Amino acid sequence: MSSHASVTFSGPASPAMTLSPQRRGPGDPCYRTVDGAIWKTSLLPSGPVTARIVTSARSIVECEAWGAGASEFLDRLPALLGVDDDPSGFAPEEPTIAAAHRRVPHLRLGRTGQVLEALVPAVLEQRVAGKDAFRAWRLLVTKFGAPAPGPAPDRMRVPPSADVWRRIPSWEFHLANVDPGRARTLVGCAQRADAVERLSTRPPEAARTALMTLPGVGIWTAAEVAQRAWGDADALSIGDYHLSNVVGSTLLGHRIDDEEMIRLLEPLRPHRFRAVRLLEVSGLARNPRFGARMAIPNLRAL
C-alpha cells in the first residue's frame, strides 16, 4: 500500500532542479529518473521508503511513497522540495549572477534533514575524482543497503543504517577503492550518528562548525552536507577541485584560487551557495579544462 501527497508552489515547480544535488552519479542506487519521474529512497527514523516524485502541473508536484517511512517522508516533502527556502535579501549586483537569477528565478534549495545520508557519500568524495567516489557509493550501497520497498526500479536500494556502515569490514572498503583514511572517517561518523543527526536542530553555520569537529571532516565536507541536509544557502564548498576555477572563469574570465573566490563571493553572504547553484543550473557557468583529468588510483591492485 502506498501513501500520497502533493505540494503546490506559487511559481513553476522544479523538483528535478532542486533534487539533483541528492543524486550521487548516474548509477546511484538511491536515486533514479524514469520517464520523467524521480525515484528516491531513504532510511528515515520511522523506516525505509521509496518515493516517486512527478510534476503533475506547472506548479504542482505529486509524490507517492511506499514503506514504513512513507508517512514521515511525505511530512518532509515540502522541505525536500524547497518550499521553505528563503531567498530574502538575495539581490546580486554582479552581472553574471544577476543574469543567472533572472534566467532561473524559481531555483529552490531543498533539505532532507538526513545528515548521515549526506555525510557518507561526501566522505567518499573527499580528495578523489567524482567517478571513483560514485562507483564506491554504488558498490557499497548495493551490497550493504536494503531492497527498496514498493515498485521501485530494478537495482534500487535503501542506504545502509549507521550500524551497518560502522560494521563494514576494512577489506570491503578496499574492494570499493576507498582508502583507509576515508574508511576511518566514514566509520567514525557512523559511530557518532545520533549526535550527527541532532545537528539538524542547530542553525546551519553552527551545525557546519560542529560537524568539522569530527575527525576527517573539513570545511568542504561540512559544506557538502549542509547544502543537502539543511538547504544551507551559504555553504560554499571551499577546497573543491573545480569550484574556484568555475567561479573565476565565469565571473572574471580567468582561473582563481579559493582565497580569491571567497573574497569575490563575500558580498553575497548569506547566499554564496545559492549564487553558485544559480550559475550551474542557469547554464552560464564556464569550466575550461587545462591539462589531463585527475588520475584515479587503483587501490584494489595493491
C-alpha atoms as a PDB file:
ATOM      1  CA  MET A   1       0.000   0.000   0.000  1.00  0.00           C
ATOM      2  CA  SER A   2       1.250   3.481  -0.839  1.00  0.00           C
ATOM      3  CA  SER A   3       0.735   6.957   0.590  1.00  0.00           C
ATOM      4  CA  HIS A   4       0.292  10.113  -1.453  1.00  0.00           C
ATOM      5  CA  ALA A   5       0.807  13.863  -1.073  1.00  0.00           C
ATOM      6  CA  SER A   6       1.053  16.898  -3.313  1.00  0.00           C
ATOM      7  CA  VAL A   7       2.833  20.229  -2.974  1.00  0.00           C
ATOM      8  CA  THR A   8       1.664  23.408  -4.691  1.00  0.00           C
ATOM      9  CA  PHE A   9       4.108  26.222  -5.396  1.00  0.00           C
ATOM     10  CA  SER A  10       3.473  29.907  -6.023  1.00  0.00           C
ATOM     11  CA  GLY A  11       5.531  29.678  -9.213  1.00  0.00           C
ATOM     12  CA  PRO A  12       6.855  26.965 -11.530  1.00  0.00           C
ATOM     13  CA  ALA A  13       7.670  23.677  -9.845  1.00  0.00           C
ATOM     14  CA  SER A  14      11.206  22.407 -10.445  1.00  0.00           C
ATOM     15  CA  PRO A  15      11.764  19.189  -8.467  1.00  0.00           C
ATOM     16  CA  ALA A  16      14.494  17.906 -10.787  1.00  0.00           C
ATOM     17  CA  MET A  17      16.495  21.100 -10.303  1.00  0.00           C
ATOM     18  CA  THR A  18      16.015  21.051  -6.538  1.00  0.00           C
ATOM     19  CA  LEU A  19      16.703  17.351  -6.047  1.00  0.00           C
ATOM     20  CA  SER A  20      19.589  16.828  -8.484  1.00  0.00           C
ATOM     21  CA  PRO A  21      22.293  17.506  -5.835  1.00  0.00           C
ATOM     22  CA  GLN A  22      20.951  14.465  -3.965  1.00  0.00           C
ATOM     23  CA  ARG A  23      21.989  12.201  -6.835  1.00  0.00           C
ATOM     24  CA  ARG A  24      25.453  10.639  -6.471  1.00  0.00           C
ATOM     25  CA  GLY A  25      26.362   9.860 -10.036  1.00  0.00           C
ATOM     26  CA  PRO A  26      24.398   8.308 -12.922  1.00  0.00           C
ATOM     27  CA  GLY A  27      24.295   4.857 -11.284  1.00  0.00           C
ATOM     28  CA  ASP A  28      23.148   5.974  -7.826  1.00  0.00           C
ATOM     29  CA  PRO A  29      21.063   3.074  -6.412  1.00  0.00           C
ATOM     30  CA  CYS A  30      19.145   5.557  -4.215  1.00  0.00           C
ATOM     31  CA  TYR A  31      18.111   7.986  -6.971  1.00  0.00           C
ATOM     32  CA  ARG A  32      16.761   7.207 -10.416  1.00  0.00           C
ATOM     33  CA  THR A  33      14.877   9.126 -13.101  1.00  0.00           C
ATOM     34  CA  VAL A  34      12.490   7.063 -15.251  1.00  0.00           C
ATOM     35  CA  ASP A  35      10.170   8.592 -17.867  1.00  0.00           C
ATOM     36  CA  GLY A  36      10.303  11.977 -16.163  1.00  0.00           C
ATOM     37  CA  ALA A  37       9.592  10.604 -12.671  1.00  0.00           C
ATOM     38  CA  ILE A  38      12.175  10.894  -9.896  1.00  0.00           C
ATOM     39  CA  TRP A  39      12.526   7.785  -7.752  1.00  0.00           C
ATOM     40  CA  LYS A  40      14.297   8.304  -4.423  1.00  0.00           C
ATOM     41  CA  THR A  41      14.950   6.028  -1.465  1.00  0.00           C
ATOM     42  CA  SER A  42      15.866   6.933   2.090  1.00  0.00           C
ATOM     43  CA  LEU A  43      16.183   5.411   5.539  1.00  0.00           C
ATOM     44  CA  LEU A  44      14.211   7.579   7.960  1.00  0.00           C
ATOM     45  CA  PRO A  45      13.807   7.128  11.734  1.00  0.00           C
ATOM     46  CA  SER A  46      10.430   5.506  11.032  1.00  0.00           C
ATOM     47  CA  GLY A  47      11.869   3.103   8.461  1.00  0.00           C
ATOM     48  CA  PRO A  48      12.800   2.696   4.785  1.00  0.00           C
ATOM     49  CA  VAL A  49      10.954   4.486   2.000  1.00  0.00           C
ATOM     50  CA  THR A  50      10.758   4.580  -1.770  1.00  0.00           C
ATOM     51  CA  ALA A  51       9.245   7.734  -3.265  1.00  0.00           C
ATOM     52  CA  ARG A  52       8.121   8.555  -6.787  1.00  0.00           C
ATOM     53  CA  ILE A  53       8.057  12.305  -7.454  1.00  0.00           C
ATOM     54  CA  VAL A  54       6.473  13.873 -10.546  1.00  0.00           C
ATOM     55  CA  THR A  55       5.332  17.287 -11.741  1.00  0.00           C
ATOM     56  CA  SER A  56       1.624  16.996 -12.488  1.00  0.00           C
ATOM     57  CA  ALA A  57       1.063  20.637 -13.437  1.00  0.00           C
ATOM     58  CA  ARG A  58       3.160  23.773 -13.836  1.00  0.00           C
ATOM     59  CA  SER A  59       3.128  24.485 -10.097  1.00  0.00           C
ATOM     60  CA  ILE A  60       2.144  21.117  -8.573  1.00  0.00           C
ATOM     61  CA  VAL A  61       4.366  18.219  -7.527  1.00  0.00           C
ATOM     62  CA  GLU A  62       2.864  14.826  -6.679  1.00  0.00           C
ATOM     63  CA  CYS A  63       4.569  12.168  -4.596  1.00  0.00           C
ATOM     64  CA  GLU A  64       3.664   8.535  -3.976  1.00  0.00           C
ATOM     65  CA  ALA A  65       5.625   6.691  -1.285  1.00  0.00           C
ATOM     66  CA  TRP A  66       5.960   3.085  -0.093  1.00  0.00           C
ATOM     67  CA  GLY A  67       7.478   1.530   3.008  1.00  0.00           C
ATOM     68  CA  ALA A  68       7.448   2.061   6.768  1.00  0.00           C
ATOM     69  CA  GLY A  69       8.926   5.538   6.313  1.00  0.00           C
ATOM     70  CA  ALA A  70       6.342   6.704   3.771  1.00  0.00           C
ATOM     71  CA  SER A  71       4.292   8.963   6.062  1.00  0.00           C
ATOM     72  CA  GLU A  72       7.386  10.594   7.514  1.00  0.00           C
ATOM     73  CA  PHE A  73       8.813  11.150   4.038  1.00  0.00           C
ATOM     74  CA  LEU A  74       5.616  12.859   2.909  1.00  0.00           C
ATOM     75  CA  ASP A  75       5.681  15.069   6.003  1.00  0.00           C
ATOM     76  CA  ARG A  76       9.189  16.139   4.989  1.00  0.00           C
ATOM     77  CA  LEU A  77       8.326  16.534   1.305  1.00  0.00           C
ATOM     78  CA  PRO A  78       7.738  20.322   1.305  1.00  0.00           C
ATOM     79  CA  ALA A  79      11.143  20.944   2.892  1.00  0.00           C
ATOM     80  CA  LEU A  80      12.798  18.473   0.497  1.00  0.00           C
ATOM     81  CA  LEU A  81      11.333  20.391  -2.447  1.00  0.00           C
ATOM     82  CA  GLY A  82      12.418  23.762  -1.050  1.00  0.00           C
ATOM     83  CA  VAL A  83       9.042  25.182  -0.070  1.00  0.00           C
ATOM     84  CA  ASP A  84      10.550  26.922   2.957  1.00  0.00           C
ATOM     85  CA  ASP A  85      13.733  28.047   1.189  1.00  0.00           C
ATOM     86  CA  ASP A  86      14.135  31.747   1.993  1.00  0.00           C
ATOM     87  CA  PRO A  87      15.930  33.886  -0.630  1.00  0.00           C
ATOM     88  CA  SER A  88      15.224  37.103   1.268  1.00  0.00           C
ATOM     89  CA  GLY A  89      17.967  39.653   0.774  1.00  0.00           C
ATOM     90  CA  PHE A  90      19.393  37.942  -2.282  1.00  0.00           C
ATOM     91  CA  ALA A  91      19.730  40.741  -4.832  1.00  0.00           C
ATOM     92  CA  PRO A  92      23.026  40.125  -6.646  1.00  0.00           C
ATOM     93  CA  GLU A  93      24.682  43.072  -8.340  1.00  0.00           C
ATOM     94  CA  GLU A  94      27.396  41.063 -10.082  1.00  0.00           C
ATOM     95  CA  PRO A  95      26.168  40.995 -13.715  1.00  0.00           C
ATOM     96  CA  THR A  96      26.534  37.279 -14.465  1.00  0.00           C
ATOM     97  CA  ILE A  97      24.963  36.129 -11.203  1.00  0.00           C
ATOM     98  CA  ALA A  98      22.153  38.660 -11.682  1.00  0.00           C
ATOM     99  CA  ALA A  99      21.593  37.268 -15.183  1.00  0.00           C
ATOM    100  CA  ALA A 100      21.506  33.722 -13.794  1.00  0.00           C
ATOM    101  CA  HIS A 101      18.943  34.819 -11.213  1.00  0.00           C
ATOM    102  CA  ARG A 102      16.736  36.324 -13.914  1.00  0.00           C
ATOM    103  CA  ARG A 103      17.066  33.177 -16.010  1.00  0.00           C
ATOM    104  CA  VAL A 104      16.163  30.820 -13.122  1.00  0.00           C
ATOM    105  CA  PRO A 105      14.139  32.889 -10.633  1.00  0.00           C
ATOM    106  CA  HIS A 106      12.393  29.785  -9.283  1.00  0.00           C
ATOM    107  CA  LEU A 107      15.508  27.946  -8.060  1.00  0.00           C
ATOM    108  CA  ARG A 108      14.785  26.365  -4.669  1.00  0.00           C
ATOM    109  CA  LEU A 109      17.228  24.801  -2.234  1.00  0.00           C
ATOM    110  CA  GLY A 110      15.761  21.719  -0.580  1.00  0.00           C
ATOM    111  CA  ARG A 111      16.759  19.945   2.615  1.00  0.00           C
ATOM    112  CA  THR A 112      16.463  16.307   3.626  1.00  0.00           C
ATOM    113  CA  GLY A 113      17.177  16.606   7.345  1.00  0.00           C
ATOM    114  CA  GLN A 114      19.132  13.345   6.928  1.00  0.00           C
ATOM    115  CA  VAL A 115      22.693  14.167   7.967  1.00  0.00           C
ATOM    116  CA  LEU A 116      24.416  10.786   7.776  1.00  0.00           C
ATOM    117  CA  GLU A 117      22.889  10.078   4.355  1.00  0.00           C
ATOM    118  CA  ALA A 118      24.573  13.254   3.114  1.00  0.00           C
ATOM    119  CA  LEU A 119      27.761  12.768   5.121  1.00  0.00           C
ATOM    120  CA  VAL A 120      28.710   9.249   3.991  1.00  0.00           C
ATOM    121  CA  PRO A 121      28.846   9.991   0.236  1.00  0.00           C
ATOM    122  CA  ALA A 122      30.562  13.327   0.939  1.00  0.00           C
ATOM    123  CA  VAL A 123      33.324  11.469   2.786  1.00  0.00           C
ATOM    124  CA  LEU A 124      33.633   9.047  -0.133  1.00  0.00           C
ATOM    125  CA  GLU A 125      34.068  12.043  -2.451  1.00  0.00           C
ATOM    126  CA  GLN A 126      36.960  13.536  -0.450  1.00  0.00           C
ATOM    127  CA  ARG A 127      40.152  14.057  -2.489  1.00  0.00           C
ATOM    128  CA  VAL A 128      39.178  11.730  -5.338  1.00  0.00           C
ATOM    129  CA  ALA A 129      37.628  12.009  -8.772  1.00  0.00           C
ATOM    130  CA  GLY A 130      33.832  12.035  -8.741  1.00  0.00           C
ATOM    131  CA  LYS A 131      33.669   8.963 -10.973  1.00  0.00           C
ATOM    132  CA  ASP A 132      35.605   6.901  -8.426  1.00  0.00           C
ATOM    133  CA  ALA A 133      33.535   8.162  -5.490  1.00  0.00           C
ATOM    134  CA  PHE A 134      30.264   7.452  -7.288  1.00  0.00           C
ATOM    135  CA  ARG A 135      31.425   3.917  -8.035  1.00  0.00           C
ATOM    136  CA  ALA A 136      32.321   3.354  -4.368  1.00  0.00           C
ATOM    137  CA  TRP A 137      28.906   4.632  -3.239  1.00  0.00           C
ATOM    138  CA  ARG A 138      27.147   2.406  -5.780  1.00  0.00           C
ATOM    139  CA  LEU A 139      29.086  -0.717  -4.793  1.00  0.00           C
ATOM    140  CA  LEU A 140      28.771  -0.240  -1.033  1.00  0.00           C
ATOM    141  CA  VAL A 141      25.078   0.687  -1.041  1.00  0.00           C
ATOM    142  CA  THR A 142      24.217  -2.129  -3.440  1.00  0.00           C
ATOM    143  CA  LYS A 143      25.981  -4.681  -1.248  1.00  0.00           C
ATOM    144  CA  PHE A 144      25.075  -3.408   2.217  1.00  0.00           C
ATOM    145  CA  GLY A 145      21.844  -1.482   1.665  1.00  0.00           C
ATOM    146  CA  ALA A 146      18.371  -3.000   1.814  1.00  0.00           C
ATOM    147  CA  PRO A 147      15.971  -3.647  -1.087  1.00  0.00           C
ATOM    148  CA  ALA A 148      13.819  -0.637  -1.903  1.00  0.00           C
ATOM    149  CA  PRO A 149      10.186  -1.105  -0.804  1.00  0.00           C
ATOM    150  CA  GLY A 150       7.332  -0.840  -3.264  1.00  0.00           C
ATOM    151  CA  PRO A 151       7.517  -0.982  -7.059  1.00  0.00           C
ATOM    152  CA  ALA A 152      10.942   0.642  -7.304  1.00  0.00           C
ATOM    153  CA  PRO A 153      13.003   0.376 -10.491  1.00  0.00           C
ATOM    154  CA  ASP A 154      15.419  -2.533 -10.686  1.00  0.00           C
ATOM    155  CA  ARG A 155      18.550  -2.424  -8.507  1.00  0.00           C
ATOM    156  CA  MET A 156      17.360   0.451  -6.323  1.00  0.00           C
ATOM    157  CA  ARG A 157      18.437   0.143  -2.683  1.00  0.00           C
ATOM    158  CA  VAL A 158      17.799   1.871   0.635  1.00  0.00           C
ATOM    159  CA  PRO A 159      21.007   3.340   2.163  1.00  0.00           C
ATOM    160  CA  PRO A 160      22.579   1.298   4.983  1.00  0.00           C
ATOM    161  CA  SER A 161      21.896   2.241   8.595  1.00  0.00           C
ATOM    162  CA  ALA A 162      24.619   3.740  10.773  1.00  0.00           C
ATOM    163  CA  ASP A 163      25.058   0.369  12.477  1.00  0.00           C
ATOM    164  CA  VAL A 164      25.660  -1.319   9.124  1.00  0.00           C
ATOM    165  CA  TRP A 165      28.126   1.348   7.963  1.00  0.00           C
ATOM    166  CA  ARG A 166      30.236   1.034  11.097  1.00  0.00           C
ATOM    167  CA  ARG A 167      30.403  -2.778  10.804  1.00  0.00           C
ATOM    168  CA  ILE A 168      31.582  -2.954   7.176  1.00  0.00           C
ATOM    169  CA  PRO A 169      34.935  -4.786   7.134  1.00  0.00           C
ATOM    170  CA  SER A 170      38.016  -2.885   6.008  1.00  0.00           C
ATOM    171  CA  TRP A 171      38.520  -5.170   3.000  1.00  0.00           C
ATOM    172  CA  GLU A 172      35.109  -4.227   1.632  1.00  0.00           C
ATOM    173  CA  PHE A 173      36.164  -0.567   1.550  1.00  0.00           C
ATOM    174  CA  HIS A 174      39.387  -1.669  -0.163  1.00  0.00           C
ATOM    175  CA  LEU A 175      37.414  -3.549  -2.822  1.00  0.00           C
ATOM    176  CA  ALA A 176      35.389  -0.370  -3.420  1.00  0.00           C
ATOM    177  CA  ASN A 177      38.661   1.567  -3.889  1.00  0.00           C
ATOM    178  CA  VAL A 178      38.175   3.550  -0.667  1.00  0.00           C
ATOM    179  CA  ASP A 179      41.482   4.294   1.052  1.00  0.00           C
ATOM    180  CA  PRO A 180      41.903   3.631   4.813  1.00  0.00           C
ATOM    181  CA  GLY A 181      41.721   7.346   5.669  1.00  0.00           C
ATOM    182  CA  ARG A 182      38.285   7.847   4.148  1.00  0.00           C
ATOM    183  CA  ALA A 183      37.118   4.498   5.527  1.00  0.00           C
ATOM    184  CA  ARG A 184      38.139   5.502   9.072  1.00  0.00           C
ATOM    185  CA  THR A 185      36.371   8.842   8.697  1.00  0.00           C
ATOM    186  CA  LEU A 186      33.201   7.190   7.422  1.00  0.00           C
ATOM    187  CA  VAL A 187      33.123   4.601  10.214  1.00  0.00           C
ATOM    188  CA  GLY A 188      33.861   7.284  12.818  1.00  0.00           C
ATOM    189  CA  CYS A 189      30.953   9.389  11.555  1.00  0.00           C
ATOM    190  CA  ALA A 190      28.651   6.362  11.684  1.00  0.00           C
ATOM    191  CA  GLN A 191      29.715   5.707  15.272  1.00  0.00           C
ATOM    192  CA  ARG A 192      28.577   9.254  16.150  1.00  0.00           C
ATOM    193  CA  ALA A 193      25.384   9.030  14.095  1.00  0.00           C
ATOM    194  CA  ASP A 194      22.988  10.061  16.870  1.00  0.00           C
ATOM    195  CA  ALA A 195      24.984  13.199  17.672  1.00  0.00           C
ATOM    196  CA  VAL A 196      25.413  13.935  13.971  1.00  0.00           C
ATOM    197  CA  GLU A 197      21.659  13.793  13.336  1.00  0.00           C
ATOM    198  CA  ARG A 198      20.999  16.152  16.265  1.00  0.00           C
ATOM    199  CA  LEU A 199      22.949  18.855  14.437  1.00  0.00           C
ATOM    200  CA  SER A 200      19.812  19.463  12.367  1.00  0.00           C
ATOM    201  CA  THR A 201      18.383  21.335  15.364  1.00  0.00           C
ATOM    202  CA  ARG A 202      21.145  23.968  15.196  1.00  0.00           C
ATOM    203  CA  PRO A 203      21.447  26.968  12.863  1.00  0.00           C
ATOM    204  CA  PRO A 204      23.272  25.856   9.692  1.00  0.00           C
ATOM    205  CA  GLU A 205      26.508  27.784  10.312  1.00  0.00           C
ATOM    206  CA  ALA A 206      26.773  26.429  13.860  1.00  0.00           C
ATOM    207  CA  ALA A 207      25.963  22.932  12.615  1.00  0.00           C
ATOM    208  CA  ARG A 208      28.706  23.145   9.998  1.00  0.00           C
ATOM    209  CA  THR A 209      31.212  24.209  12.660  1.00  0.00           C
ATOM    210  CA  ALA A 210      30.190  21.338  14.916  1.00  0.00           C
ATOM    211  CA  LEU A 211      30.409  18.867  12.052  1.00  0.00           C
ATOM    212  CA  MET A 212      34.027  19.873  11.489  1.00  0.00           C
ATOM    213  CA  THR A 213      34.957  18.666  14.984  1.00  0.00           C
ATOM    214  CA  LEU A 214      34.614  15.104  13.684  1.00  0.00           C
ATOM    215  CA  PRO A 215      37.998  13.620  12.702  1.00  0.00           C
ATOM    216  CA  GLY A 216      38.434  13.725   8.932  1.00  0.00           C
ATOM    217  CA  VAL A 217      35.564  16.176   8.316  1.00  0.00           C
ATOM    218  CA  GLY A 218      36.770  19.526   6.997  1.00  0.00           C
ATOM    219  CA  ILE A 219      35.208  22.644   5.563  1.00  0.00           C
ATOM    220  CA  TRP A 220      34.492  21.098   2.145  1.00  0.00           C
ATOM    221  CA  THR A 221      32.763  18.010   3.539  1.00  0.00           C
ATOM    222  CA  ALA A 222      30.743  20.056   6.022  1.00  0.00           C
ATOM    223  CA  ALA A 223      29.558  22.360   3.239  1.00  0.00           C
ATOM    224  CA  GLU A 224      28.537  19.466   1.000  1.00  0.00           C
ATOM    225  CA  VAL A 225      26.472  18.016   3.853  1.00  0.00           C
ATOM    226  CA  ALA A 226      24.933  21.375   4.778  1.00  0.00           C
ATOM    227  CA  GLN A 227      23.806  22.004   1.214  1.00  0.00           C
ATOM    228  CA  ARG A 228      21.852  18.757   1.062  1.00  0.00           C
ATOM    229  CA  ALA A 229      20.764  18.024   4.637  1.00  0.00           C
ATOM    230  CA  TRP A 230      19.943  21.587   5.709  1.00  0.00           C
ATOM    231  CA  GLY A 231      19.463  23.535   2.470  1.00  0.00           C
ATOM    232  CA  ASP A 232      22.191  25.900   3.672  1.00  0.00           C
ATOM    233  CA  ALA A 233      22.231  28.761   1.157  1.00  0.00           C
ATOM    234  CA  ASP A 234      25.669  29.973   2.309  1.00  0.00           C
ATOM    235  CA  ALA A 235      27.515  26.626   2.418  1.00  0.00           C
ATOM    236  CA  LEU A 236      30.354  27.332  -0.005  1.00  0.00           C
ATOM    237  CA  SER A 237      32.383  24.231  -0.963  1.00  0.00           C
ATOM    238  CA  ILE A 238      35.816  25.676  -0.217  1.00  0.00           C
ATOM    239  CA  GLY A 239      38.551  23.276  -1.271  1.00  0.00           C
ATOM    240  CA  ASP A 240      36.609  21.833  -4.199  1.00  0.00           C
ATOM    241  CA  TYR A 241      38.816  20.646  -7.073  1.00  0.00           C
ATOM    242  CA  HIS A 242      36.895  22.663  -9.692  1.00  0.00           C
ATOM    243  CA  LEU A 243      34.710  25.272  -7.998  1.00  0.00           C
ATOM    244  CA  SER A 244      37.118  28.205  -7.695  1.00  0.00           C
ATOM    245  CA  ASN A 245      38.113  27.803 -11.342  1.00  0.00           C
ATOM    246  CA  VAL A 246      34.467  27.705 -12.425  1.00  0.00           C
ATOM    247  CA  VAL A 247      33.641  30.833 -10.413  1.00  0.00           C
ATOM    248  CA  GLY A 248      36.707  32.690 -11.669  1.00  0.00           C
ATOM    249  CA  SER A 249      36.267  31.670 -15.291  1.00  0.00           C
ATOM    250  CA  THR A 250      32.560  32.527 -15.224  1.00  0.00           C
ATOM    251  CA  LEU A 251      32.721  35.856 -13.413  1.00  0.00           C
ATOM    252  CA  LEU A 252      36.196  37.134 -14.289  1.00  0.00           C
ATOM    253  CA  GLY A 253      37.239  35.229 -17.386  1.00  0.00           C
ATOM    254  CA  HIS A 254      40.208  33.517 -15.729  1.00  0.00           C
ATOM    255  CA  ARG A 255      41.018  30.885 -13.114  1.00  0.00           C
ATOM    256  CA  ILE A 256      41.309  31.868  -9.449  1.00  0.00           C
ATOM    257  CA  ASP A 257      42.117  30.112  -6.169  1.00  0.00           C
ATOM    258  CA  ASP A 258      39.946  29.563  -3.119  1.00  0.00           C
ATOM    259  CA  GLU A 259      41.045  32.738  -1.350  1.00  0.00           C
ATOM    260  CA  GLU A 260      40.137  34.844  -4.366  1.00  0.00           C
ATOM    261  CA  MET A 261      36.803  33.044  -4.681  1.00  0.00           C
ATOM    262  CA  ILE A 262      35.976  33.738  -1.042  1.00  0.00           C
ATOM    263  CA  ARG A 263      36.735  37.449  -1.484  1.00  0.00           C
ATOM    264  CA  LEU A 264      34.754  37.589  -4.719  1.00  0.00           C
ATOM    265  CA  LEU A 265      31.631  35.988  -3.227  1.00  0.00           C
ATOM    266  CA  GLU A 266      31.801  37.683   0.183  1.00  0.00           C
ATOM    267  CA  PRO A 267      29.207  40.374  -0.733  1.00  0.00           C
ATOM    268  CA  LEU A 268      26.697  37.572  -1.385  1.00  0.00           C
ATOM    269  CA  ARG A 269      26.588  36.269   2.196  1.00  0.00           C
ATOM    270  CA  PRO A 270      24.409  34.504   3.356  1.00  0.00           C
ATOM    271  CA  HIS A 271      23.647  33.228  -0.156  1.00  0.00           C
ATOM    272  CA  ARG A 272      27.033  32.167  -1.556  1.00  0.00           C
ATOM    273  CA  PHE A 273      25.944  28.607  -2.329  1.00  0.00           C
ATOM    274  CA  ARG A 274      22.727  29.912  -3.857  1.00  0.00           C
ATOM    275  CA  ALA A 275      24.792  32.055  -6.219  1.00  0.00           C
ATOM    276  CA  VAL A 276      26.994  29.116  -7.230  1.00  0.00           C
ATOM    277  CA  ARG A 277      23.986  26.882  -7.744  1.00  0.00           C
ATOM    278  CA  LEU A 278      22.337  29.536  -9.923  1.00  0.00           C
ATOM    279  CA  LEU A 279      25.405  29.651 -12.148  1.00  0.00           C
ATOM    280  CA  GLU A 280      25.261  25.854 -12.508  1.00  0.00           C
ATOM    281  CA  VAL A 281      21.567  25.463 -13.315  1.00  0.00           C
ATOM    282  CA  SER A 282      21.299  28.572 -15.500  1.00  0.00           C
ATOM    283  CA  GLY A 283      23.854  27.236 -17.968  1.00  0.00           C
ATOM    284  CA  LEU A 284      26.064  30.307 -17.525  1.00  0.00           C
ATOM    285  CA  ALA A 285      28.861  28.552 -15.632  1.00  0.00           C
ATOM    286  CA  ARG A 286      32.106  28.123 -17.560  1.00  0.00           C
ATOM    287  CA  ASN A 287      34.691  25.466 -16.752  1.00  0.00           C
ATOM    288  CA  PRO A 288      37.524  25.489 -19.280  1.00  0.00           C
ATOM    289  CA  ARG A 289      39.766  22.489 -18.782  1.00  0.00           C
ATOM    290  CA  PHE A 290      43.522  22.699 -18.728  1.00  0.00           C
ATOM    291  CA  GLY A 291      45.556  19.501 -18.840  1.00  0.00           C
ATOM    292  CA  ALA A 292      44.523  15.926 -18.117  1.00  0.00           C
ATOM    293  CA  ARG A 293      41.845  14.864 -15.691  1.00  0.00           C
ATOM    294  CA  MET A 294      42.948  13.742 -12.251  1.00  0.00           C
ATOM    295  CA  ALA A 295      44.023  10.092 -12.339  1.00  0.00           C
ATOM    296  CA  ILE A 296      42.032   7.562 -10.323  1.00  0.00           C
ATOM    297  CA  PRO A 297      44.364   5.468  -8.094  1.00  0.00           C
ATOM    298  CA  ASN A 298      43.551   1.769  -8.205  1.00  0.00           C
ATOM    299  CA  LEU A 299      43.828   0.705  -4.543  1.00  0.00           C
ATOM    300  CA  ARG A 300      42.379  -2.695  -5.375  1.00  0.00           C
ATOM    301  CA  ALA A 301      45.600  -3.624  -7.175  1.00  0.00           C
ATOM    302  CA  LEU A 302      47.689  -3.013  -4.036  1.00  0.00           C
END
